[in-house]
Amino acid sequence: LVGHTPLVRLHNFEKNNNLKAQLIGKLEYLNP
């Protein structure tokens, strides 16, 4: 089950901080 963790866009965090770049988190805590 190790690996293949998803990438997730941090949309609300970007909006709340007026960020113009895309922040994309790789959720490594979804490893087993």
PDB file of all heavy atoms in Angstrom:
ATOM      1  N   LEU A   1       0.804  -1.217   0.000  1.00  0.00           N
ATOM      2  CA  LEU A   1       0.000   0.000   0.000  1.00  0.00           C
ATOM      3  C   LEU A   1       0.840   1.271   0.000  1.00  0.00           C
ATOM      4  O   LEU A   1       0.303   2.376   0.070  1.00  0.00           O
ATOM      5  CB  LEU A   1      -0.924   0.013   1.222  1.00  0.00           C
ATOM      6  CG  LEU A   1      -1.802  -1.221   1.406  1.00  0.00           C
ATOM      7  CD1 LEU A   1      -2.630  -1.076   2.675  1.00  0.00           C
ATOM      8  CD2 LEU A   1      -2.696  -1.431   0.204  1.00  0.00           C
ATOM      9  N   VAL A   2       2.145   1.126  -0.072  1.00  0.00           N
ATOM     10  CA  VAL A   2       3.034   2.290  -0.002  1.00  0.00           C
ATOM     11  C   VAL A   2       3.028   3.044  -1.325  1.00  0.00           C
ATOM     12  O   VAL A   2       3.119   2.458  -2.399  1.00  0.00           O
ATOM     13  CB  VAL A   2       4.465   1.855   0.350  1.00  0.00           C
ATOM     14  CG1 VAL A   2       5.417   3.050   0.342  1.00  0.00           C
ATOM     15  CG2 VAL A   2       4.490   1.171   1.715  1.00  0.00           C
ATOM     16  N   GLY A   3       2.933   4.364  -1.232  1.00  0.00           N
ATOM     17  CA  GLY A   3       3.037   5.208  -2.423  1.00  0.00           C
ATOM     18  C   GLY A   3       1.705   5.515  -3.076  1.00  0.00           C
ATOM     19  O   GLY A   3       0.636   5.229  -2.539  1.00  0.00           O
ATOM     20  N   HIS A   4       1.793   6.144  -4.248  1.00  0.00           N
ATOM     21  CA  HIS A   4       0.615   6.563  -5.024  1.00  0.00           C
ATOM     22  C   HIS A   4      -0.264   7.505  -4.209  1.00  0.00           C
ATOM     23  O   HIS A   4      -1.494   7.433  -4.258  1.00  0.00           O
ATOM     24  CB  HIS A   4      -0.176   5.345  -5.505  1.00  0.00           C
ATOM     25  CG  HIS A   4       0.643   4.394  -6.312  1.00  0.00           C
ATOM     26  ND1 HIS A   4       1.107   4.697  -7.583  1.00  0.00           N
ATOM     27  CD2 HIS A   4       1.117   3.150  -6.020  1.00  0.00           C
ATOM     28  CE1 HIS A   4       1.817   3.673  -8.039  1.00  0.00           C
ATOM     29  NE2 HIS A   4       1.839   2.732  -7.111  1.00  0.00           N
ATOM     30  N   THR A   5       0.375   8.393  -3.457  1.00  0.00           N
ATOM     31  CA  THR A   5      -0.366   9.382  -2.671  1.00  0.00           C
ATOM     32  C   THR A   5      -0.852  10.507  -3.589  1.00  0.00           C
ATOM     33  O   THR A   5      -0.203  10.843  -4.570  1.00  0.00           O
ATOM     34  CB  THR A   5       0.521   9.962  -1.561  1.00  0.00           C
ATOM     35  OG1 THR A   5       1.688  10.538  -2.148  1.00  0.00           O
ATOM     36  CG2 THR A   5       0.921   8.885  -0.565  1.00  0.00           C
ATOM     37  N   PRO A   6      -1.979  11.123  -3.274  1.00  0.00           N
ATOM     38  CA  PRO A   6      -2.563  12.112  -4.181  1.00  0.00           C
ATOM     39  C   PRO A   6      -1.959  13.504  -4.033  1.00  0.00           C
ATOM     40  O   PRO A   6      -1.401  13.862  -2.988  1.00  0.00           O
ATOM     41  CB  PRO A   6      -4.043  12.129  -3.762  1.00  0.00           C
ATOM     42  CG  PRO A   6      -3.999  11.784  -2.303  1.00  0.00           C
ATOM     43  CD  PRO A   6      -2.877  10.795  -2.148  1.00  0.00           C
ATOM     44  N   LEU A   7      -2.124  14.283  -5.097  1.00  0.00           N
ATOM     45  CA  LEU A   7      -1.827  15.710  -5.075  1.00  0.00           C
ATOM     46  C   LEU A   7      -3.146  16.464  -4.915  1.00  0.00           C
ATOM     47  O   LEU A   7      -4.126  16.153  -5.595  1.00  0.00           O
ATOM     48  CB  LEU A   7      -1.149  16.151  -6.373  1.00  0.00           C
ATOM     49  CG  LEU A   7       0.270  15.636  -6.628  1.00  0.00           C
ATOM     50  CD1 LEU A   7       0.719  16.010  -8.036  1.00  0.00           C
ATOM     51  CD2 LEU A   7       1.246  16.194  -5.608  1.00  0.00           C
ATOM     52  N   VAL A   8      -3.161  17.464  -4.020  1.00  0.00           N
ATOM     53  CA  VAL A   8      -4.381  18.210  -3.731  1.00  0.00           C
ATOM     54  C   VAL A   8      -4.079  19.708  -3.772  1.00  0.00           C
ATOM     55  O   VAL A   8      -3.122  20.173  -3.142  1.00  0.00           O
ATOM     56  CB  VAL A   8      -4.968  17.836  -2.362  1.00  0.00           C
ATOM     57  CG1 VAL A   8      -6.186  18.687  -2.039  1.00  0.00           C
ATOM     58  CG2 VAL A   8      -5.338  16.352  -2.327  1.00  0.00           C
ATOM     59  N   ARG A   9      -4.887  20.442  -4.503  1.00  0.00           N
ATOM     60  CA  ARG A   9      -4.754  21.898  -4.576  1.00  0.00           C
ATOM     61  C   ARG A   9      -5.299  22.543  -3.298  1.00  0.00           C
ATOM     62  O   ARG A   9      -6.389  22.189  -2.815  1.00  0.00           O
ATOM     63  CB  ARG A   9      -5.539  22.394  -5.789  1.00  0.00           C
ATOM     64  CG  ARG A   9      -5.513  23.903  -6.008  1.00  0.00           C
ATOM     65  CD  ARG A   9      -4.384  24.363  -6.866  1.00  0.00           C
ATOM     66  NE  ARG A   9      -4.522  25.808  -7.086  1.00  0.00           N
ATOM     67  CZ  ARG A   9      -5.161  26.358  -8.109  1.00  0.00           C
ATOM     68  NH1 ARG A   9      -5.709  25.584  -9.041  1.00  0.00           N
ATOM     69  NH2 ARG A   9      -5.232  27.680  -8.228  1.00  0.00           N
ATOM     70  N   LEU A  10      -4.560  23.478  -2.729  1.00  0.00           N
ATOM     71  CA  LEU A  10      -4.961  24.141  -1.489  1.00  0.00           C
ATOM     72  C   LEU A  10      -5.745  25.413  -1.824  1.00  0.00           C
ATOM     73  O   LEU A  10      -5.337  26.541  -1.513  1.00  0.00           O
ATOM     74  CB  LEU A  10      -3.726  24.467  -0.643  1.00  0.00           C
ATOM     75  CG  LEU A  10      -2.748  23.304  -0.402  1.00  0.00           C
ATOM     76  CD1 LEU A  10      -1.602  23.754   0.488  1.00  0.00           C
ATOM     77  CD2 LEU A  10      -3.456  22.092   0.189  1.00  0.00           C
ATOM     78  N   HIS A  11      -6.900  25.249  -2.420  1.00  0.00           N
ATOM     79  CA  HIS A  11      -7.670  26.368  -2.966  1.00  0.00           C
ATOM     80  C   HIS A  11      -8.039  27.413  -1.917  1.00  0.00           C
ATOM     81  O   HIS A  11      -7.850  28.621  -2.131  1.00  0.00           O
ATOM     82  CB  HIS A  11      -8.953  25.845  -3.619  1.00  0.00           C
ATOM     83  CG  HIS A  11      -8.761  25.291  -4.983  1.00  0.00           C
ATOM     84  ND1 HIS A  11      -8.521  26.074  -6.091  1.00  0.00           N
ATOM     85  CD2 HIS A  11      -8.767  24.009  -5.426  1.00  0.00           C
ATOM     86  CE1 HIS A  11      -8.406  25.313  -7.153  1.00  0.00           C
ATOM     87  NE2 HIS A  11      -8.541  24.049  -6.787  1.00  0.00           N
ATOM     88  N   ASN A  12      -8.608  26.983  -0.808  1.00  0.00           N
ATOM     89  CA  ASN A  12      -9.076  27.946   0.194  1.00  0.00           C
ATOM     90  C   ASN A  12      -7.920  28.700   0.842  1.00  0.00           C
ATOM     91  O   ASN A  12      -8.018  29.903   1.104  1.00  0.00           O
ATOM     92  CB  ASN A  12      -9.919  27.243   1.251  1.00  0.00           C
ATOM     93  CG  ASN A  12     -11.201  26.670   0.673  1.00  0.00           C
ATOM     94  OD1 ASN A  12     -11.700  27.154  -0.337  1.00  0.00           O
ATOM     95  ND2 ASN A  12     -11.730  25.630   1.302  1.00  0.00           N
ATOM     96  N   PHE A  13      -6.831  27.990   1.104  1.00  0.00           N
ATOM     97  CA  PHE A  13      -5.641  28.637   1.663  1.00  0.00           C
ATOM     98  C   PHE A  13      -5.110  29.688   0.700  1.00  0.00           C
ATOM     99  O   PHE A  13      -4.735  30.793   1.110  1.00  0.00           O
ATOM    100  CB  PHE A  13      -4.576  27.583   1.966  1.00  0.00           C
ATOM    101  CG  PHE A  13      -3.355  28.115   2.648  1.00  0.00           C
ATOM    102  CD1 PHE A  13      -3.335  28.300   4.022  1.00  0.00           C
ATOM    103  CD2 PHE A  13      -2.209  28.426   1.923  1.00  0.00           C
ATOM    104  CE1 PHE A  13      -2.202  28.792   4.662  1.00  0.00           C
ATOM    105  CE2 PHE A  13      -1.074  28.918   2.550  1.00  0.00           C
ATOM    106  CZ  PHE A  13      -1.068  29.104   3.923  1.00  0.00           C
ATOM    107  N   GLU A  14      -5.079  29.353  -0.589  1.00  0.00           N
ATOM    108  CA  GLU A  14      -4.649  30.321  -1.598  1.00  0.00           C
ATOM    109  C   GLU A  14      -5.541  31.565  -1.575  1.00  0.00           C
ATOM    110  O   GLU A  14      -5.049  32.710  -1.549  1.00  0.00           O
ATOM    111  CB  GLU A  14      -4.724  29.699  -2.997  1.00  0.00           C
ATOM    112  CG  GLU A  14      -3.725  28.606  -3.280  1.00  0.00           C
ATOM    113  CD  GLU A  14      -3.987  27.952  -4.629  1.00  0.00           C
ATOM    114  OE1 GLU A  14      -4.748  28.529  -5.444  1.00  0.00           O
ATOM    115  OE2 GLU A  14      -3.439  26.865  -4.863  1.00  0.00           O
ATOM    116  N   LYS A  15      -6.838  31.361  -1.569  1.00  0.00           N
ATOM    117  CA  LYS A  15      -7.787  32.472  -1.609  1.00  0.00           C
ATOM    118  C   LYS A  15      -7.666  33.346  -0.362  1.00  0.00           C
ATOM    119  O   LYS A  15      -7.630  34.585  -0.457  1.00  0.00           O
ATOM    120  CB  LYS A  15      -9.208  31.935  -1.733  1.00  0.00           C
ATOM    121  CG  LYS A  15     -10.285  33.009  -1.795  1.00  0.00           C
ATOM    122  CD  LYS A  15     -11.664  32.384  -1.924  1.00  0.00           C
ATOM    123  CE  LYS A  15     -12.757  33.470  -1.938  1.00  0.00           C
ATOM    124  NZ  LYS A  15     -14.108  32.862  -2.043  1.00  0.00           N
ATOM    125  N   ASN A  16      -7.591  32.709   0.806  1.00  0.00           N
ATOM    126  CA  ASN A  16      -7.540  33.451   2.057  1.00  0.00           C
ATOM    127  C   ASN A  16      -6.273  34.289   2.189  1.00  0.00           C
ATOM    128  O   ASN A  16      -6.260  35.300   2.906  1.00  0.00           O
ATOM    129  CB  ASN A  16      -7.652  32.502   3.250  1.00  0.00           C
ATOM    130  CG  ASN A  16      -9.006  31.839   3.327  1.00  0.00           C
ATOM    131  OD1 ASN A  16      -9.968  32.261   2.691  1.00  0.00           O
ATOM    132  ND2 ASN A  16      -9.094  30.771   4.117  1.00  0.00           N
ATOM    133  N   ASN A  17      -5.207  33.859   1.515  1.00  0.00           N
ATOM    134  CA  ASN A  17      -3.937  34.571   1.597  1.00  0.00           C
ATOM    135  C   ASN A  17      -3.613  35.363   0.337  1.00  0.00           C
ATOM    136  O   ASN A  17      -2.502  35.874   0.186  1.00  0.00           O
ATOM    137  CB  ASN A  17      -2.805  33.580   1.899  1.00  0.00           C
ATOM    138  CG  ASN A  17      -2.872  33.041   3.314  1.00  0.00           C
ATOM    139  OD1 ASN A  17      -2.425  33.680   4.255  1.00  0.00           O
ATOM    140  ND2 ASN A  17      -3.446  31.843   3.461  1.00  0.00           N
ATOM    141  N   ASN A  18      -4.618  35.452  -0.557  1.00  0.00           N
ATOM    142  CA  ASN A  18      -4.458  36.222  -1.795  1.00  0.00           C
ATOM    143  C   ASN A  18      -3.230  35.771  -2.584  1.00  0.00           C
ATOM    144  O   ASN A  18      -2.451  36.591  -3.091  1.00  0.00           O
ATOM    145  CB  ASN A  18      -4.372  37.725  -1.488  1.00  0.00           C
ATOM    146  CG  ASN A  18      -4.600  38.580  -2.726  1.00  0.00           C
ATOM    147  OD1 ASN A  18      -5.326  38.183  -3.646  1.00  0.00           O
ATOM    148  ND2 ASN A  18      -3.974  39.744  -2.772  1.00  0.00           N
ATOM    149  N   LEU A  19      -3.084  34.465  -2.720  1.00  0.00           N
ATOM    150  CA  LEU A  19      -1.943  33.906  -3.439  1.00  0.00           C
ATOM    151  C   LEU A  19      -2.284  33.731  -4.906  1.00  0.00           C
ATOM    152  O   LEU A  19      -3.354  33.213  -5.242  1.00  0.00           O
ATOM    153  CB  LEU A  19      -1.541  32.557  -2.829  1.00  0.00           C
ATOM    154  CG  LEU A  19      -1.233  32.560  -1.324  1.00  0.00           C
ATOM    155  CD1 LEU A  19      -0.846  31.166  -0.865  1.00  0.00           C
ATOM    156  CD2 LEU A  19      -0.137  33.570  -0.984  1.00  0.00           C
ATOM    157  N   LYS A  20      -1.379  34.136  -5.769  1.00  0.00           N
ATOM    158  CA  LYS A  20      -1.620  34.062  -7.206  1.00  0.00           C
ATOM    159  C   LYS A  20      -0.969  32.835  -7.852  1.00  0.00           C
ATOM    160  O   LYS A  20      -1.178  32.571  -9.030  1.00  0.00           O
ATOM    161  CB  LYS A  20      -1.095  35.330  -7.886  1.00  0.00           C
ATOM    162  CG  LYS A  20      -1.672  36.632  -7.320  1.00  0.00           C
ATOM    163  CD  LYS A  20      -3.186  36.662  -7.393  1.00  0.00           C
ATOM    164  CE  LYS A  20      -3.730  37.989  -6.870  1.00  0.00           C
ATOM    165  NZ  LYS A  20      -5.212  38.009  -6.859  1.00  0.00           N
ATOM    166  N   ALA A  21      -0.181  32.109  -7.073  1.00  0.00           N
ATOM    167  CA  ALA A  21       0.392  30.851  -7.554  1.00  0.00           C
ATOM    168  C   ALA A  21      -0.461  29.689  -7.059  1.00  0.00           C
ATOM    169  O   ALA A  21      -1.274  29.840  -6.147  1.00  0.00           O
ATOM    170  CB  ALA A  21       1.830  30.695  -7.062  1.00  0.00           C
ATOM    171  N   GLN A  22      -0.278  28.530  -7.667  1.00  0.00           N
ATOM    172  CA  GLN A  22      -1.013  27.334  -7.258  1.00  0.00           C
ATOM    173  C   GLN A  22      -0.182  26.543  -6.246  1.00  0.00           C
ATOM    174  O   GLN A  22       0.962  26.175  -6.528  1.00  0.00           O
ATOM    175  CB  GLN A  22      -1.314  26.446  -8.467  1.00  0.00           C
ATOM    176  CG  GLN A  22      -2.216  27.068  -9.494  1.00  0.00           C
ATOM    177  CD  GLN A  22      -2.519  26.118 -10.643  1.00  0.00           C
ATOM    178  OE1 GLN A  22      -2.497  24.904 -10.483  1.00  0.00           O
ATOM    179  NE2 GLN A  22      -2.809  26.685 -11.800  1.00  0.00           N
ATOM    180  N   LEU A  23      -0.778  26.281  -5.085  1.00  0.00           N
ATOM    181  CA  LEU A  23      -0.142  25.444  -4.076  1.00  0.00           C
ATOM    182  C   LEU A  23      -0.761  24.048  -4.146  1.00  0.00           C
ATOM    183  O   LEU A  23      -1.968  23.880  -3.986  1.00  0.00           O
ATOM    184  CB  LEU A  23      -0.332  26.032  -2.673  1.00  0.00           C
ATOM    185  CG  LEU A  23       0.759  26.985  -2.176  1.00  0.00           C
ATOM    186  CD1 LEU A  23       0.990  28.120  -3.145  1.00  0.00           C
ATOM    187  CD2 LEU A  23       0.434  27.502  -0.786  1.00  0.00           C
ATOM    188  N   ILE A  24       0.089  23.055  -4.399  1.00  0.00           N
ATOM    189  CA  ILE A  24      -0.362  21.684  -4.623  1.00  0.00           C
ATOM    190  C   ILE A  24       0.354  20.767  -3.627  1.00  0.00           C
ATOM    191  O   ILE A  24       1.569  20.580  -3.698  1.00  0.00           O
ATOM    192  CB  ILE A  24      -0.052  21.235  -6.067  1.00  0.00           C
ATOM    193  CG1 ILE A  24      -0.680  22.213  -7.073  1.00  0.00           C
ATOM    194  CG2 ILE A  24      -0.539  19.812  -6.306  1.00  0.00           C
ATOM    195  CD1 ILE A  24      -0.135  22.089  -8.477  1.00  0.00           C
ATOM    196  N   GLY A  25      -0.395  20.232  -2.675  1.00  0.00           N
ATOM    197  CA  GLY A  25       0.202  19.395  -1.642  1.00  0.00           C
ATOM    198  C   GLY A  25       0.177  17.923  -2.003  1.00  0.00           C
ATOM    199  O   GLY A  25      -0.841  17.406  -2.459  1.00  0.00           O
ATOM    200  N   LYS A  26       1.296  17.250  -1.776  1.00  0.00           N
ATOM    201  CA  LYS A  26       1.344  15.791  -1.948  1.00  0.00           C
ATOM    202  C   LYS A  26       1.155  15.169  -0.572  1.00  0.00           C
ATOM    203  O   LYS A  26       2.016  15.289   0.308  1.00  0.00           O
ATOM    204  CB  LYS A  26       2.663  15.333  -2.582  1.00  0.00           C
ATOM    205  CG  LYS A  26       2.657  13.841  -2.949  1.00  0.00           C
ATOM    206  CD  LYS A  26       3.722  13.509  -3.969  1.00  0.00           C
ATOM    207  CE  LYS A  26       3.791  12.015  -4.285  1.00  0.00           C
ATOM    208  NZ  LYS A  26       2.537  11.476  -4.880  1.00  0.00           N
ATOM    209  N   LEU A  27       0.020  14.505  -0.392  1.00  0.00           N
ATOM    210  CA  LEU A  27      -0.415  14.046   0.928  1.00  0.00           C
ATOM    211  C   LEU A  27       0.263  12.730   1.307  1.00  0.00           C
ATOM    212  O   LEU A  27      -0.322  11.639   1.224  1.00  0.00           O
ATOM    213  CB  LEU A  27      -1.935  13.888   0.958  1.00  0.00           C
ATOM    214  CG  LEU A  27      -2.757  15.124   0.570  1.00  0.00           C
ATOM    215  CD1 LEU A  27      -4.239  14.865   0.822  1.00  0.00           C
ATOM    216  CD2 LEU A  27      -2.297  16.367   1.319  1.00  0.00           C
ATOM    217  N   GLU A  28       1.500  12.850   1.784  1.00  0.00           N
ATOM    218  CA  GLU A  28       2.263  11.661   2.147  1.00  0.00           C
ATOM    219  C   GLU A  28       1.740  10.982   3.403  1.00  0.00           C
ATOM    220  O   GLU A  28       2.077   9.834   3.677  1.00  0.00           O
ATOM    221  CB  GLU A  28       3.737  12.022   2.310  1.00  0.00           C
ATOM    222  CG  GLU A  28       4.442  12.283   0.987  1.00  0.00           C
ATOM    223  CD  GLU A  28       4.441  11.048   0.105  1.00  0.00           C
ATOM    224  OE1 GLU A  28       5.101  10.053   0.455  1.00  0.00           O
ATOM    225  OE2 GLU A  28       3.762  11.067  -0.945  1.00  0.00           O
ATOM    226  N   TYR A  29       0.894  11.663   4.160  1.00  0.00           N
ATOM    227  CA  TYR A  29       0.328  11.006   5.345  1.00  0.00           C
ATOM    228  C   TYR A  29      -0.705   9.947   4.967  1.00  0.00           C
ATOM    229  O   TYR A  29      -1.196   9.221   5.835  1.00  0.00           O
ATOM    230  CB  TYR A  29      -0.253  12.019   6.330  1.00  0.00           C
ATOM    231  CG  TYR A  29      -1.372  12.906   5.831  1.00  0.00           C
ATOM    232  CD1 TYR A  29      -2.663  12.433   5.695  1.00  0.00           C
ATOM    233  CD2 TYR A  29      -1.137  14.256   5.549  1.00  0.00           C
ATOM    234  CE1 TYR A  29      -3.700  13.256   5.271  1.00  0.00           C
ATOM    235  CE2 TYR A  29      -2.167  15.086   5.125  1.00  0.00           C
ATOM    236  CZ  TYR A  29      -3.439  14.581   4.991  1.00  0.00           C
ATOM    237  OH  TYR A  29      -4.455  15.403   4.577  1.00  0.00           O
ATOM    238  N   LEU A  30      -1.015   9.816   3.682  1.00  0.00           N
ATOM    239  CA  LEU A  30      -1.911   8.747   3.244  1.00  0.00           C
ATOM    240  C   LEU A  30      -1.169   7.452   2.916  1.00  0.00           C
ATOM    241  O   LEU A  30      -1.761   6.487   2.454  1.00  0.00           O
ATOM    242  CB  LEU A  30      -2.744   9.218   2.053  1.00  0.00           C
ATOM    243  CG  LEU A  30      -3.729  10.340   2.398  1.00  0.00           C
ATOM    244  CD1 LEU A  30      -4.527  10.768   1.171  1.00  0.00           C
ATOM    245  CD2 LEU A  30      -4.676   9.916   3.513  1.00  0.00           C
ATOM    246  N   ASN A  31       0.142   7.428   3.176  1.00  0.00           N
ATOM    247  CA  ASN A  31       0.859   6.154   3.188  1.00  0.00           C
ATOM    248  C   ASN A  31       0.369   5.338   4.382  1.00  0.00           C
ATOM    249  O   ASN A  31      -0.193   5.879   5.339  1.00  0.00           O
ATOM    250  CB  ASN A  31       2.368   6.407   3.290  1.00  0.00           C
ATOM    251  CG  ASN A  31       2.997   6.717   1.937  1.00  0.00           C
ATOM    252  OD1 ASN A  31       2.938   5.914   1.013  1.00  0.00           O
ATOM    253  ND2 ASN A  31       3.583   7.905   1.831  1.00  0.00           N
ATOM    254  N   PRO A  32       0.575   4.011   4.375  1.00  0.00           N
ATOM    255  CA  PRO A  32      -0.084   3.156   5.371  1.00  0.00           C
ATOM    256  C   PRO A  32       0.233   3.456   6.832  1.00  0.00           C
ATOM    257  O   PRO A  32      -0.634   3.272   7.691  1.00  0.00           O
ATOM    258  CB  PRO A  32       0.348   1.734   4.985  1.00  0.00           C
ATOM    259  CG  PRO A  32       1.427   1.893   3.991  1.00  0.00           C
ATOM    260  CD  PRO A  32       1.238   3.204   3.342  1.00  0.00           C
TER     261      PRO A  32
END
